[in-house]
Amino acid sequence: MARMKKKPDDISQISDRIEKFKKSQGLKPKSERREEFEYAARTGLRVTTEMLSGVVIGAGIGYFLDKILETKPFLLIVFLFLGAAAGFLNVYRFVRNAENGKKE
């Protein structure tokens, strides 16, 4: 039978050496970088959705009230601004909660 050679210590410890080198250079592991990207993507999508939904719902309410009450375009403009304000408020609350979560 052919005898298998034992791995040298250098080869079996190479992953440890690579990780130590990355840490000494200030590089983050791929998994941490991916988690940061996913968090940023989720946060961006949430902020966009909050802002857009506030504006669209406010404009929709204003448009339908204008049609019913025949006050074109007064209520559309008013509710558009109210929807934008609601979107900003939701984003502010989200950011404040996210910051409080990071402090803990």
C-alpha atoms as a PDB file:
ATOM      1  CA  MET A   1       0.000   0.000   0.000  1.00  0.00           C
ATOM      2  CA  ALA A   2       1.045   3.460  -0.715  1.00  0.00           C
ATOM      3  CA  ARG A   3       1.599   5.447   2.367  1.00  0.00           C
ATOM      4  CA  MET A   4      -0.084   8.872   2.509  1.00  0.00           C
ATOM      5  CA  LYS A   5       2.070  11.767   3.417  1.00  0.00           C
ATOM      6  CA  LYS A   6       1.216  13.795   6.463  1.00  0.00           C
ATOM      7  CA  LYS A   7       0.310  17.427   5.819  1.00  0.00           C
ATOM      8  CA  PRO A   8       2.975  19.833   6.944  1.00  0.00           C
ATOM      9  CA  ASP A   9       2.029  22.157   9.770  1.00  0.00           C
ATOM     10  CA  ASP A  10       2.340  25.179   7.484  1.00  0.00           C
ATOM     11  CA  ILE A  11      -0.409  23.952   5.164  1.00  0.00           C
ATOM     12  CA  SER A  12      -2.835  22.991   7.919  1.00  0.00           C
ATOM     13  CA  GLN A  13      -2.398  26.378   9.607  1.00  0.00           C
ATOM     14  CA  ILE A  14      -2.632  28.473   6.440  1.00  0.00           C
ATOM     15  CA  SER A  15      -6.238  29.554   7.013  1.00  0.00           C
ATOM     16  CA  ASP A  16      -5.335  30.778  10.497  1.00  0.00           C
ATOM     17  CA  ARG A  17      -2.409  32.705   9.080  1.00  0.00           C
ATOM     18  CA  ILE A  18      -4.589  34.264   6.377  1.00  0.00           C
ATOM     19  CA  GLU A  19      -7.174  35.380   8.955  1.00  0.00           C
ATOM     20  CA  LYS A  20      -4.462  36.884  11.160  1.00  0.00           C
ATOM     21  CA  PHE A  21      -3.081  38.761   8.160  1.00  0.00           C
ATOM     22  CA  LYS A  22      -6.520  40.099   7.223  1.00  0.00           C
ATOM     23  CA  LYS A  23      -7.091  41.279  10.781  1.00  0.00           C
ATOM     24  CA  SER A  24      -3.694  42.972  10.878  1.00  0.00           C
ATOM     25  CA  GLN A  25      -4.577  44.796   7.635  1.00  0.00           C
ATOM     26  CA  GLY A  26      -7.996  45.835   8.952  1.00  0.00           C
ATOM     27  CA  LEU A  27      -9.910  43.731   6.427  1.00  0.00           C
ATOM     28  CA  LYS A  28     -13.256  42.284   7.406  1.00  0.00           C
ATOM     29  CA  PRO A  29     -14.242  38.735   6.546  1.00  0.00           C
ATOM     30  CA  LYS A  30     -16.530  38.295   3.533  1.00  0.00           C
ATOM     31  CA  SER A  31     -19.461  37.304   5.730  1.00  0.00           C
ATOM     32  CA  GLU A  32     -19.317  40.598   7.660  1.00  0.00           C
ATOM     33  CA  ARG A  33     -19.056  42.653   4.462  1.00  0.00           C
ATOM     34  CA  ARG A  34     -22.037  40.806   3.009  1.00  0.00           C
ATOM     35  CA  GLU A  35     -24.080  41.400   6.175  1.00  0.00           C
ATOM     36  CA  GLU A  36     -23.266  45.119   6.022  1.00  0.00           C
ATOM     37  CA  PHE A  37     -24.355  45.270   2.373  1.00  0.00           C
ATOM     38  CA  GLU A  38     -27.596  43.412   3.106  1.00  0.00           C
ATOM     39  CA  TYR A  39     -28.368  45.737   6.017  1.00  0.00           C
ATOM     40  CA  ALA A  40     -27.712  48.803   3.849  1.00  0.00           C
ATOM     41  CA  ALA A  41     -29.906  47.423   1.055  1.00  0.00           C
ATOM     42  CA  ARG A  42     -32.763  46.628   3.454  1.00  0.00           C
ATOM     43  CA  THR A  43     -32.478  50.062   5.052  1.00  0.00           C
ATOM     44  CA  GLY A  44     -32.474  51.849   1.698  1.00  0.00           C
ATOM     45  CA  LEU A  45     -35.502  49.909   0.516  1.00  0.00           C
ATOM     46  CA  ARG A  46     -37.365  50.632   3.739  1.00  0.00           C
ATOM     47  CA  VAL A  47     -36.628  54.374   3.602  1.00  0.00           C
ATOM     48  CA  THR A  48     -37.664  54.570  -0.051  1.00  0.00           C
ATOM     49  CA  THR A  49     -40.871  52.663   0.625  1.00  0.00           C
ATOM     50  CA  GLU A  50     -41.784  54.853   3.595  1.00  0.00           C
ATOM     51  CA  MET A  51     -41.270  58.067   1.653  1.00  0.00           C
ATOM     52  CA  LEU A  52     -42.969  56.912  -1.521  1.00  0.00           C
ATOM     53  CA  SER A  53     -45.972  55.388   0.215  1.00  0.00           C
ATOM     54  CA  GLY A  54     -46.591  58.541   2.247  1.00  0.00           C
ATOM     55  CA  VAL A  55     -46.539  60.747  -0.841  1.00  0.00           C
ATOM     56  CA  VAL A  56     -48.652  58.390  -2.980  1.00  0.00           C
ATOM     57  CA  ILE A  57     -51.300  57.806  -0.298  1.00  0.00           C
ATOM     58  CA  GLY A  58     -51.493  61.507   0.526  1.00  0.00           C
ATOM     59  CA  ALA A  59     -51.842  62.438  -3.142  1.00  0.00           C
ATOM     60  CA  GLY A  60     -54.485  59.748  -3.635  1.00  0.00           C
ATOM     61  CA  ILE A  61     -56.574  60.934  -0.702  1.00  0.00           C
ATOM     62  CA  GLY A  62     -56.288  64.538  -1.857  1.00  0.00           C
ATOM     63  CA  TYR A  63     -57.245  63.645  -5.431  1.00  0.00           C
ATOM     64  CA  PHE A  64     -60.359  61.728  -4.417  1.00  0.00           C
ATOM     65  CA  LEU A  65     -61.447  64.399  -1.934  1.00  0.00           C
ATOM     66  CA  ASP A  66     -60.978  67.015  -4.674  1.00  0.00           C
ATOM     67  CA  LYS A  67     -63.225  65.003  -6.986  1.00  0.00           C
ATOM     68  CA  ILE A  68     -65.913  64.566  -4.328  1.00  0.00           C
ATOM     69  CA  LEU A  69     -65.829  68.128  -2.975  1.00  0.00           C
ATOM     70  CA  GLU A  70     -64.914  69.818  -6.305  1.00  0.00           C
ATOM     71  CA  THR A  71     -62.035  71.783  -4.798  1.00  0.00           C
ATOM     72  CA  LYS A  72     -59.420  70.979  -7.447  1.00  0.00           C
ATOM     73  CA  PRO A  73     -56.323  71.099  -6.810  1.00  0.00           C
ATOM     74  CA  PHE A  74     -56.387  72.512  -3.278  1.00  0.00           C
ATOM     75  CA  LEU A  75     -56.847  69.272  -1.303  1.00  0.00           C
ATOM     76  CA  LEU A  76     -54.482  67.375  -3.596  1.00  0.00           C
ATOM     77  CA  ILE A  77     -51.700  69.809  -2.738  1.00  0.00           C
ATOM     78  CA  VAL A  78     -52.531  69.837   0.975  1.00  0.00           C
ATOM     79  CA  PHE A  79     -52.623  66.046   1.279  1.00  0.00           C
ATOM     80  CA  LEU A  80     -49.524  65.687  -0.893  1.00  0.00           C
ATOM     81  CA  PHE A  81     -47.586  67.763   1.632  1.00  0.00           C
ATOM     82  CA  LEU A  82     -49.183  65.914   4.551  1.00  0.00           C
ATOM     83  CA  GLY A  83     -48.201  62.581   2.974  1.00  0.00           C
ATOM     84  CA  ALA A  84     -44.632  63.795   2.466  1.00  0.00           C
ATOM     85  CA  ALA A  85     -44.518  64.950   6.102  1.00  0.00           C
ATOM     86  CA  ALA A  86     -45.820  61.552   7.241  1.00  0.00           C
ATOM     87  CA  GLY A  87     -43.141  59.834   5.133  1.00  0.00           C
ATOM     88  CA  PHE A  88     -40.396  61.997   6.673  1.00  0.00           C
ATOM     89  CA  LEU A  89     -41.755  61.292  10.143  1.00  0.00           C
ATOM     90  CA  ASN A  90     -41.724  57.528   9.512  1.00  0.00           C
ATOM     91  CA  VAL A  91     -38.159  57.683   8.210  1.00  0.00           C
ATOM     92  CA  TYR A  92     -37.106  59.749  11.233  1.00  0.00           C
ATOM     93  CA  ARG A  93     -38.638  57.199  13.598  1.00  0.00           C
ATOM     94  CA  PHE A  94     -36.945  54.343  11.758  1.00  0.00           C
ATOM     95  CA  VAL A  95     -33.522  56.011  11.876  1.00  0.00           C
ATOM     96  CA  ARG A  96     -33.919  56.906  15.549  1.00  0.00           C
ATOM     97  CA  ASN A  97     -34.857  53.310  16.411  1.00  0.00           C
ATOM     98  CA  ALA A  98     -31.979  51.962  14.336  1.00  0.00           C
ATOM     99  CA  GLU A  99     -29.516  54.227  16.147  1.00  0.00           C
ATOM    100  CA  ASN A 100     -30.868  53.188  19.559  1.00  0.00           C
ATOM    101  CA  GLY A 101     -30.492  49.542  18.553  1.00  0.00           C
ATOM    102  CA  LYS A 102     -26.841  50.047  17.598  1.00  0.00           C
ATOM    103  CA  LYS A 103     -25.987  51.784  20.888  1.00  0.00           C
ATOM    104  CA  GLU A 104     -27.058  48.775  22.949  1.00  0.00           C
END
